[in-house]
Amino acid sequence: MVAPAATARRTITRLGGDSLASAEDEMLVETRLVLVVNGAEVESAVCTAGYEEYWAVGHLVCGGAVSRIEDVEGIDAAPGRVSARVAGRVGPRPEVPSRIVRASVLVDGAEWLAGAPVFRATGGTHVAALVSLDGERLFRVEDIGRHNAVDKAVGWAVMNRVPLAGVALLVSGRLPSDMVGKAVAAGVPVMGSVSAATWDGAAAAEAGGVVLAGFIRGGRMNVYTFPERVSGSSQ
């Protein structure tokens, strides 16, 4: 079976001023994905095709069901479905370490978000990216859903044994408490966005020990929690 495409072209009509013109437009394609854990369906989501196993593992980590790849005894992806076998006893939830990050690392990570190719082609995706606290660009992923994008990024790190204690998670969307909670559950010490945080998102970050920054644009940002852990100029 051919894997579904992330995008497809459609003939549309563009209106500009007083004129109408036919044009071809690149559009995002929705894919429904079901997560089955130990034989029971636990999640159904509308996703962008690709990285389904990362999504499943990341969803389990961000939801607190597992804390490390060793807790996942097996995983199998098929069109529209990912099945996982999870150990009866899982490792302890990771603690969020107190880490310092340079402001320039967050600025560069936010700029990396803006170059995501599917977003540039369609304007329809959310983007999540992982960068090391030293500034290395590690992984960038796009999805129609902002929660899915974060799950895929976290799943990539867990499946590739990249320590989440040493990364910053950058996202393109808002930072409400449920999004921040994913970083807390995964043990990510720094989270940032080009968009805004909610009051509850900032409170969740403070309670969880996560540096939270928003409106990372043009070399500036709002740091909502633990500003003493953001060092140096953003330039």
Protein backbone atom coordinates (compact mmCIF):
# COMPACT_ATOMS: atom_id res chain seq x y z
CA MET A 1 0.00 0.00 0.00
CA VAL A 2 1.28 3.46 -0.90
CA ALA A 3 1.78 5.72 2.12
CA PRO A 4 -0.47 8.78 2.14
CA ALA A 5 1.09 12.03 1.00
CA ALA A 6 1.41 15.01 3.31
CA THR A 7 0.19 17.42 0.62
CA ALA A 8 -1.80 17.42 -2.60
CA ARG A 9 -2.57 19.98 -5.29
CA ARG A 10 -6.04 21.35 -5.94
CA THR A 11 -7.38 23.78 -8.49
CA ILE A 12 -8.74 26.87 -6.76
CA THR A 13 -9.95 30.33 -7.70
CA ARG A 14 -7.91 33.31 -6.54
CA LEU A 15 -9.54 36.68 -6.10
CA GLY A 16 -7.33 39.74 -6.36
CA GLY A 17 -8.87 43.15 -6.60
CA ASP A 18 -11.59 42.87 -9.24
CA SER A 19 -10.12 39.80 -11.00
CA LEU A 20 -10.68 36.08 -10.63
CA ALA A 21 -8.09 33.54 -11.77
CA SER A 22 -7.76 29.78 -11.68
CA ALA A 23 -4.64 28.50 -9.88
CA GLU A 24 -3.07 25.34 -8.52
CA ASP A 25 -2.68 25.37 -4.74
CA GLU A 26 -0.61 23.05 -2.54
CA MET A 27 -2.80 21.90 0.36
CA LEU A 28 -2.26 19.83 3.47
CA VAL A 29 -3.80 16.34 3.52
CA GLU A 30 -5.34 14.98 6.72
CA THR A 31 -4.63 11.43 7.90
CA ARG A 32 -6.51 9.76 10.75
CA LEU A 33 -4.28 7.76 13.09
CA VAL A 34 -5.27 5.42 15.91
CA LEU A 35 -2.98 4.43 18.78
CA VAL A 36 -3.54 0.99 20.30
CA VAL A 37 -1.73 0.11 23.54
CA ASN A 38 -1.72 -3.46 24.82
CA GLY A 39 -4.71 -4.23 22.60
CA ALA A 40 -6.87 -1.25 23.63
CA GLU A 41 -7.47 1.86 21.54
CA VAL A 42 -6.31 4.83 23.61
CA GLU A 43 -6.09 7.72 21.13
CA SER A 44 -7.39 8.80 17.75
CA ALA A 45 -5.96 11.87 16.06
CA VAL A 46 -5.98 13.72 12.76
CA CYS A 47 -2.32 13.94 11.73
CA THR A 48 0.01 14.70 8.88
CA ALA A 49 1.43 11.52 7.39
CA GLY A 50 4.92 10.51 8.53
CA TYR A 51 6.77 9.63 11.73
CA GLU A 52 3.84 7.61 13.09
CA GLU A 53 6.01 5.59 15.48
CA TYR A 54 7.56 8.78 16.85
CA TRP A 55 4.06 10.15 17.41
CA ALA A 56 3.01 7.04 19.32
CA VAL A 57 6.06 6.92 21.58
CA GLY A 58 6.01 10.67 22.14
CA HIS A 59 2.33 10.60 23.01
CA LEU A 60 2.98 7.90 25.59
CA VAL A 61 5.91 9.80 27.10
CA CYS A 62 4.12 13.15 27.13
CA GLY A 63 1.08 11.52 28.69
CA GLY A 64 3.12 9.89 31.45
CA ALA A 65 2.37 6.32 30.36
CA VAL A 66 6.08 5.57 29.76
CA SER A 67 9.28 7.41 30.58
CA ARG A 68 11.91 5.73 28.40
CA ILE A 69 12.16 3.56 25.31
CA GLU A 70 12.80 0.48 27.47
CA ASP A 71 9.22 0.76 28.73
CA VAL A 72 7.97 0.08 25.18
CA GLU A 73 8.32 -3.65 24.53
CA GLY A 74 7.26 -3.45 20.91
CA ILE A 75 5.75 -1.10 18.36
CA ASP A 76 4.22 -1.72 14.95
CA ALA A 77 2.97 0.88 12.49
CA ALA A 78 0.43 0.19 9.75
CA PRO A 79 -1.61 2.60 7.63
CA GLY A 80 -3.87 4.51 10.00
CA ARG A 81 -2.82 2.57 13.08
CA VAL A 82 0.10 2.22 15.50
CA SER A 83 0.14 -0.64 18.01
CA ALA A 84 2.42 -0.57 21.05
CA ARG A 85 3.14 -3.04 23.82
CA VAL A 86 3.96 -1.31 27.08
CA ALA A 87 5.58 -2.91 30.11
CA GLY A 88 3.47 -3.49 33.20
CA ARG A 89 5.94 -1.54 35.31
CA VAL A 90 7.59 1.52 33.84
CA GLY A 91 10.59 3.57 34.88
CA PRO A 92 10.26 6.65 37.08
CA ARG A 93 9.06 9.87 35.51
CA PRO A 94 12.03 11.99 34.45
CA GLU A 95 12.81 15.04 36.54
CA VAL A 96 13.16 18.39 34.81
CA PRO A 97 16.78 19.48 35.34
CA SER A 98 17.77 23.06 36.07
CA ARG A 99 19.68 24.02 32.92
CA ILE A 100 20.93 27.32 31.50
CA VAL A 101 20.35 28.23 27.86
CA ARG A 102 21.71 31.12 25.82
CA ALA A 103 19.09 33.47 24.45
CA SER A 104 20.73 33.15 21.02
CA VAL A 105 19.97 29.41 21.01
CA LEU A 106 16.25 30.14 21.37
CA VAL A 107 16.37 32.83 18.69
CA ASP A 108 18.09 30.48 16.24
CA GLY A 109 15.63 27.69 17.05
CA ALA A 110 12.69 29.98 16.40
CA GLU A 111 14.18 31.00 13.05
CA TRP A 112 14.55 27.31 12.16
CA LEU A 113 10.82 26.85 12.75
CA ALA A 114 10.03 29.49 10.14
CA GLY A 115 11.86 27.59 7.40
CA ALA A 116 9.78 24.41 7.67
CA PRO A 117 9.11 23.37 4.06
CA VAL A 118 5.52 22.11 4.29
CA PHE A 119 4.46 25.24 6.14
CA ARG A 120 6.12 27.39 3.51
CA ALA A 121 4.27 25.47 0.79
CA THR A 122 0.83 25.32 2.44
CA GLY A 123 0.69 27.60 5.48
CA GLY A 124 -1.16 24.75 7.18
CA THR A 125 1.21 23.06 9.62
CA HIS A 126 2.41 23.51 13.16
CA VAL A 127 6.14 23.01 13.67
CA ALA A 128 8.12 21.60 16.60
CA ALA A 129 11.90 21.50 16.80
CA LEU A 130 14.51 20.19 19.20
CA VAL A 131 17.82 22.00 19.59
CA SER A 132 20.60 21.16 22.00
CA LEU A 133 21.29 23.65 24.77
CA ASP A 134 24.56 24.32 22.94
CA GLY A 135 22.61 25.37 19.86
CA GLU A 136 22.84 22.31 17.60
CA ARG A 137 19.77 21.81 15.43
CA LEU A 138 18.64 18.24 16.10
CA PHE A 139 15.16 17.53 14.71
CA ARG A 140 12.31 19.48 13.14
CA VAL A 141 8.87 18.11 12.36
CA GLU A 142 5.59 19.44 10.99
CA ASP A 143 2.03 18.32 11.59
CA ILE A 144 -1.49 19.61 11.14
CA GLY A 145 -1.88 19.37 14.93
CA ARG A 146 0.38 21.23 17.38
CA HIS A 147 0.10 18.45 19.96
CA ASN A 148 1.03 15.88 17.32
CA ALA A 149 4.11 17.87 16.31
CA VAL A 150 5.37 17.94 19.90
CA ASP A 151 4.64 14.23 20.35
CA LYS A 152 6.61 13.42 17.19
CA ALA A 153 9.58 15.53 18.31
CA VAL A 154 9.66 13.94 21.76
CA GLY A 155 9.21 10.47 20.25
CA TRP A 156 12.16 11.05 17.92
CA ALA A 157 14.38 11.90 20.88
CA VAL A 158 13.23 8.94 22.97
CA MET A 159 13.52 6.39 20.15
CA ASN A 160 16.97 7.69 19.20
CA ARG A 161 18.12 7.89 22.84
CA VAL A 162 18.74 11.63 22.71
CA PRO A 163 18.60 12.87 26.33
CA LEU A 164 15.71 15.31 26.62
CA ALA A 165 17.40 16.83 29.66
CA GLY A 166 19.84 18.50 27.26
CA VAL A 167 17.47 20.04 24.72
CA ALA A 168 15.15 22.98 24.20
CA LEU A 169 11.77 22.39 22.59
CA LEU A 170 10.63 25.12 20.19
CA VAL A 171 7.09 25.29 18.80
CA SER A 172 5.21 27.52 16.40
CA GLY A 173 1.94 27.70 18.32
CA ARG A 174 0.63 28.98 21.63
CA LEU A 175 1.86 27.67 24.97
CA PRO A 176 -1.17 26.69 27.06
CA SER A 177 -0.87 24.40 30.07
CA ASP A 178 -1.49 21.18 28.13
CA MET A 179 1.38 21.91 25.75
CA VAL A 180 3.72 22.89 28.57
CA GLY A 181 2.67 19.75 30.43
CA LYS A 182 4.15 17.66 27.63
CA ALA A 183 7.57 19.24 28.21
CA VAL A 184 7.27 18.69 31.96
CA ALA A 185 6.29 15.04 31.53
CA ALA A 186 9.16 14.43 29.10
CA GLY A 187 11.77 16.13 31.31
CA VAL A 188 12.52 18.96 28.84
CA PRO A 189 14.11 21.90 30.71
CA VAL A 190 13.44 24.69 28.18
CA MET A 191 10.43 25.41 25.95
CA GLY A 192 9.87 28.35 23.66
CA SER A 193 7.54 29.62 20.97
CA VAL A 194 7.17 32.39 18.43
CA SER A 195 3.67 32.80 19.84
CA ALA A 196 2.17 33.58 23.26
CA ALA A 197 1.96 31.63 26.49
CA THR A 198 -1.22 31.58 28.54
CA TRP A 199 -1.23 32.42 32.26
CA ASP A 200 -1.88 28.76 32.99
CA GLY A 201 0.91 27.68 30.67
CA ALA A 202 3.37 29.88 32.53
CA ALA A 203 2.10 28.56 35.87
CA ALA A 204 2.54 24.97 34.68
CA ALA A 205 6.09 25.73 33.55
CA GLU A 206 6.92 27.35 36.87
CA ALA A 207 5.53 24.41 38.83
CA GLY A 208 7.34 21.94 36.58
CA GLY A 209 10.72 23.68 36.56
CA VAL A 210 10.67 24.54 32.83
CA VAL A 211 12.11 27.75 31.38
CA LEU A 212 9.29 29.15 29.24
CA ALA A 213 9.78 31.83 26.58
CA GLY A 214 7.29 33.25 24.11
CA PHE A 215 7.13 35.78 21.30
CA ILE A 216 10.66 34.81 20.19
CA ARG A 217 10.85 37.15 17.23
CA GLY A 218 13.40 39.55 15.83
CA GLY A 219 15.97 38.76 18.49
CA ARG A 220 13.53 39.47 21.34
CA MET A 221 11.42 37.31 23.61
CA ASN A 222 9.24 37.25 26.71
CA VAL A 223 10.68 34.97 29.40
CA TYR A 224 7.84 33.86 31.66
CA THR A 225 9.72 31.63 34.09
CA PHE A 226 13.23 31.31 35.50
CA PRO A 227 14.83 34.26 33.65
CA GLU A 228 18.04 33.63 35.59
CA ARG A 229 18.47 30.47 33.47
CA VAL A 230 18.50 32.43 30.17
CA SER A 231 21.95 33.88 29.62
CA GLY A 232 23.51 36.46 27.33
CA SER A 233 22.27 38.66 24.56
CA SER A 234 19.83 37.24 22.04
CA GLN A 235 21.85 38.79 19.22
